Amino acid sequence: MTFRPFPDASLPEMTVREAASHLAEPETTAILLDVREPYEFVPRHAQGAVNIPMSEFVARIAEVPQDREVLVICEHGSRSADVVRYLMRQGYTQAINVDGGTEMWESAGLPMEYPAK
């Protein structure tokens, strides 16, 4: 798996395909954290994603494990990058931005959930 620096050279990120592959590994303990708002998350999201909206993130940070990789996704990658930066400032060492977000995940044909359908 390749971790490439984000444009600020300090933010770890991976592609949607790398994230999906990593999450599918039998031994992984990584989680996929979707920081979109509920109105975005409920109709469609990457399979297995856990939702903590960015608007509630500071109040709910205790729900984010510090002892395992946290792959952070949003719609395109901007909000998730902000959340990864925040997590890093809080001492999280295994936070990774998923570049391209849910839009790219879905476009790549990766597993999705459509619970509202």
C-alpha atoms as a PDB file:
ATOM      1  CA  MET A   1       0.000   0.000   0.000  1.00  0.00           C
ATOM      2  CA  THR A   2       1.303   3.412  -0.905  1.00  0.00           C
ATOM      3  CA  PHE A   3       0.773   6.453   1.267  1.00  0.00           C
ATOM      4  CA  ARG A   4       1.329   9.635  -0.660  1.00  0.00           C
ATOM      5  CA  PRO A   5       1.682  12.992   1.009  1.00  0.00           C
ATOM      6  CA  PHE A   6      -1.161  15.465   0.553  1.00  0.00           C
ATOM      7  CA  PRO A   7      -0.226  18.764  -1.112  1.00  0.00           C
ATOM      8  CA  ASP A   8       0.877  20.145   2.262  1.00  0.00           C
ATOM      9  CA  ALA A   9       3.360  17.220   2.398  1.00  0.00           C
ATOM     10  CA  SER A  10       2.304  16.204   5.896  1.00  0.00           C
ATOM     11  CA  LEU A  11      -1.090  14.590   5.370  1.00  0.00           C
ATOM     12  CA  PRO A  12      -1.183  10.850   4.639  1.00  0.00           C
ATOM     13  CA  GLU A  13      -3.632   9.783   1.968  1.00  0.00           C
ATOM     14  CA  MET A  14      -4.528   6.809  -0.169  1.00  0.00           C
ATOM     15  CA  THR A  15      -6.681   6.296  -3.236  1.00  0.00           C
ATOM     16  CA  VAL A  16     -10.172   4.843  -3.002  1.00  0.00           C
ATOM     17  CA  ARG A  17      -8.932   1.584  -4.534  1.00  0.00           C
ATOM     18  CA  GLU A  18      -6.095   1.350  -2.006  1.00  0.00           C
ATOM     19  CA  ALA A  19      -8.553   2.074   0.827  1.00  0.00           C
ATOM     20  CA  ALA A  20     -11.037  -0.562  -0.357  1.00  0.00           C
ATOM     21  CA  SER A  21      -8.263  -3.128  -0.759  1.00  0.00           C
ATOM     22  CA  HIS A  22      -6.851  -2.356   2.672  1.00  0.00           C
ATOM     23  CA  LEU A  23     -10.267  -2.572   4.336  1.00  0.00           C
ATOM     24  CA  ALA A  24     -10.864  -5.950   2.647  1.00  0.00           C
ATOM     25  CA  GLU A  25      -7.704  -7.477   4.128  1.00  0.00           C
ATOM     26  CA  PRO A  26      -8.723 -10.160   6.649  1.00  0.00           C
ATOM     27  CA  GLU A  27      -6.265  -8.976   9.289  1.00  0.00           C
ATOM     28  CA  THR A  28      -7.098  -5.267   9.085  1.00  0.00           C
ATOM     29  CA  THR A  29      -8.530  -3.428  12.045  1.00  0.00           C
ATOM     30  CA  ALA A  30      -8.899  -0.191  10.075  1.00  0.00           C
ATOM     31  CA  ILE A  31     -12.212   1.639   9.995  1.00  0.00           C
ATOM     32  CA  LEU A  32     -13.706   3.796   7.252  1.00  0.00           C
ATOM     33  CA  LEU A  33     -14.996   7.020   8.776  1.00  0.00           C
ATOM     34  CA  ASP A  34     -17.399   9.085   6.643  1.00  0.00           C
ATOM     35  CA  VAL A  35     -17.567  12.717   7.783  1.00  0.00           C
ATOM     36  CA  ARG A  36     -20.371  13.827   5.456  1.00  0.00           C
ATOM     37  CA  GLU A  37     -23.604  15.108   6.922  1.00  0.00           C
ATOM     38  CA  PRO A  38     -26.447  12.605   7.458  1.00  0.00           C
ATOM     39  CA  TYR A  39     -28.423  13.914   4.454  1.00  0.00           C
ATOM     40  CA  GLU A  40     -25.410  12.932   2.308  1.00  0.00           C
ATOM     41  CA  PHE A  41     -24.519   9.705   4.092  1.00  0.00           C
ATOM     42  CA  VAL A  42     -27.944   8.060   4.506  1.00  0.00           C
ATOM     43  CA  PRO A  43     -28.844   7.712   0.793  1.00  0.00           C
ATOM     44  CA  ARG A  44     -25.435   6.329  -0.250  1.00  0.00           C
ATOM     45  CA  HIS A  45     -22.100   5.529   1.318  1.00  0.00           C
ATOM     46  CA  ALA A  46     -19.120   3.238   0.972  1.00  0.00           C
ATOM     47  CA  GLN A  47     -19.872  -0.212   2.325  1.00  0.00           C
ATOM     48  CA  GLY A  48     -19.076  -0.498   6.018  1.00  0.00           C
ATOM     49  CA  ALA A  49     -18.504   3.214   6.581  1.00  0.00           C
ATOM     50  CA  VAL A  50     -19.228   4.694   9.994  1.00  0.00           C
ATOM     51  CA  ASN A  51     -20.744   8.191   9.994  1.00  0.00           C
ATOM     52  CA  ILE A  52     -19.602  10.979  12.289  1.00  0.00           C
ATOM     53  CA  PRO A  53     -20.581  14.216  10.536  1.00  0.00           C
ATOM     54  CA  MET A  54     -17.981  16.957  10.408  1.00  0.00           C
ATOM     55  CA  SER A  55     -20.467  19.307  12.103  1.00  0.00           C
ATOM     56  CA  GLU A  56     -20.515  16.986  15.157  1.00  0.00           C
ATOM     57  CA  PHE A  57     -16.933  15.824  14.988  1.00  0.00           C
ATOM     58  CA  VAL A  58     -15.369  17.751  17.859  1.00  0.00           C
ATOM     59  CA  ALA A  59     -18.156  16.694  20.240  1.00  0.00           C
ATOM     60  CA  ARG A  60     -17.903  13.042  19.118  1.00  0.00           C
ATOM     61  CA  ILE A  61     -14.130  12.609  18.775  1.00  0.00           C
ATOM     62  CA  ALA A  62     -14.114  10.087  21.645  1.00  0.00           C
ATOM     63  CA  GLU A  63     -15.880   7.666  19.277  1.00  0.00           C
ATOM     64  CA  VAL A  64     -12.823   7.607  17.000  1.00  0.00           C
ATOM     65  CA  PRO A  65     -10.368   4.876  18.008  1.00  0.00           C
ATOM     66  CA  GLN A  66      -6.768   5.933  18.557  1.00  0.00           C
ATOM     67  CA  ASP A  67      -5.347   2.424  18.426  1.00  0.00           C
ATOM     68  CA  ARG A  68      -6.142   1.578  14.803  1.00  0.00           C
ATOM     69  CA  GLU A  69      -6.071   3.102  11.340  1.00  0.00           C
ATOM     70  CA  VAL A  70      -8.863   5.533  10.600  1.00  0.00           C
ATOM     71  CA  LEU A  71      -9.472   6.020   6.875  1.00  0.00           C
ATOM     72  CA  VAL A  72     -11.423   9.269   6.562  1.00  0.00           C
ATOM     73  CA  ILE A  73     -13.722   9.861   3.597  1.00  0.00           C
ATOM     74  CA  CYS A  74     -16.174  12.594   2.564  1.00  0.00           C
ATOM     75  CA  GLU A  75     -17.707  13.392  -0.839  1.00  0.00           C
ATOM     76  CA  HIS A  76     -14.573  14.580  -2.680  1.00  0.00           C
ATOM     77  CA  GLY A  77     -11.702  14.649  -0.168  1.00  0.00           C
ATOM     78  CA  SER A  78     -11.611  18.207   1.191  1.00  0.00           C
ATOM     79  CA  ARG A  79     -13.584  17.789   4.411  1.00  0.00           C
ATOM     80  CA  SER A  80     -11.893  14.481   5.132  1.00  0.00           C
ATOM     81  CA  ALA A  81      -8.490  16.158   4.733  1.00  0.00           C
ATOM     82  CA  ASP A  82      -9.526  18.801   7.274  1.00  0.00           C
ATOM     83  CA  VAL A  83     -10.649  16.069   9.693  1.00  0.00           C
ATOM     84  CA  VAL A  84      -7.379  14.156   9.249  1.00  0.00           C
ATOM     85  CA  ARG A  85      -5.439  17.355  10.032  1.00  0.00           C
ATOM     86  CA  TYR A  86      -7.589  17.842  13.146  1.00  0.00           C
ATOM     87  CA  LEU A  87      -7.046  14.236  14.253  1.00  0.00           C
ATOM     88  CA  MET A  88      -3.294  14.611  13.781  1.00  0.00           C
ATOM     89  CA  ARG A  89      -3.306  17.753  15.962  1.00  0.00           C
ATOM     90  CA  GLN A  90      -5.154  15.730  18.630  1.00  0.00           C
ATOM     91  CA  GLY A  91      -2.409  13.091  18.625  1.00  0.00           C
ATOM     92  CA  TYR A  92      -3.904  10.513  16.272  1.00  0.00           C
ATOM     93  CA  THR A  93      -1.057   8.863  14.386  1.00  0.00           C
ATOM     94  CA  GLN A  94      -3.043   6.551  12.083  1.00  0.00           C
ATOM     95  CA  ALA A  95      -5.486   8.937  10.376  1.00  0.00           C
ATOM     96  CA  ILE A  96      -5.450   8.724   6.567  1.00  0.00           C
ATOM     97  CA  ASN A  97      -7.363  10.793   4.006  1.00  0.00           C
ATOM     98  CA  VAL A  98      -9.176   8.861   1.263  1.00  0.00           C
ATOM     99  CA  ASP A  99      -8.466  10.910  -1.850  1.00  0.00           C
ATOM    100  CA  GLY A 100     -11.410  11.415  -4.196  1.00  0.00           C
ATOM    101  CA  GLY A 101     -14.021  10.603  -1.578  1.00  0.00           C
ATOM    102  CA  THR A 102     -17.320   8.818  -1.972  1.00  0.00           C
ATOM    103  CA  GLU A 103     -17.834  10.161  -5.476  1.00  0.00           C
ATOM    104  CA  MET A 104     -14.626   8.510  -6.696  1.00  0.00           C
ATOM    105  CA  TRP A 105     -15.354   5.359  -4.644  1.00  0.00           C
ATOM    106  CA  GLU A 106     -18.728   4.961  -6.343  1.00  0.00           C
ATOM    107  CA  SER A 107     -17.338   5.828  -9.801  1.00  0.00           C
ATOM    108  CA  ALA A 108     -14.671   3.140  -9.359  1.00  0.00           C
ATOM    109  CA  GLY A 109     -17.406   0.546  -8.816  1.00  0.00           C
ATOM    110  CA  LEU A 110     -16.314  -0.190  -5.254  1.00  0.00           C
ATOM    111  CA  PRO A 111     -18.835  -1.636  -2.765  1.00  0.00           C
ATOM    112  CA  MET A 112     -21.559   0.830  -1.797  1.00  0.00           C
ATOM    113  CA  GLU A 113     -24.620   0.747   0.426  1.00  0.00           C
ATOM    114  CA  TYR A 114     -27.875   2.398  -0.673  1.00  0.00           C
ATOM    115  CA  PRO A 115     -30.079   1.942   2.413  1.00  0.00           C
ATOM    116  CA  ALA A 116     -32.697   4.486   1.330  1.00  0.00           C
ATOM    117  CA  LYS A 117     -33.566   2.501  -1.801  1.00  0.00           C
END
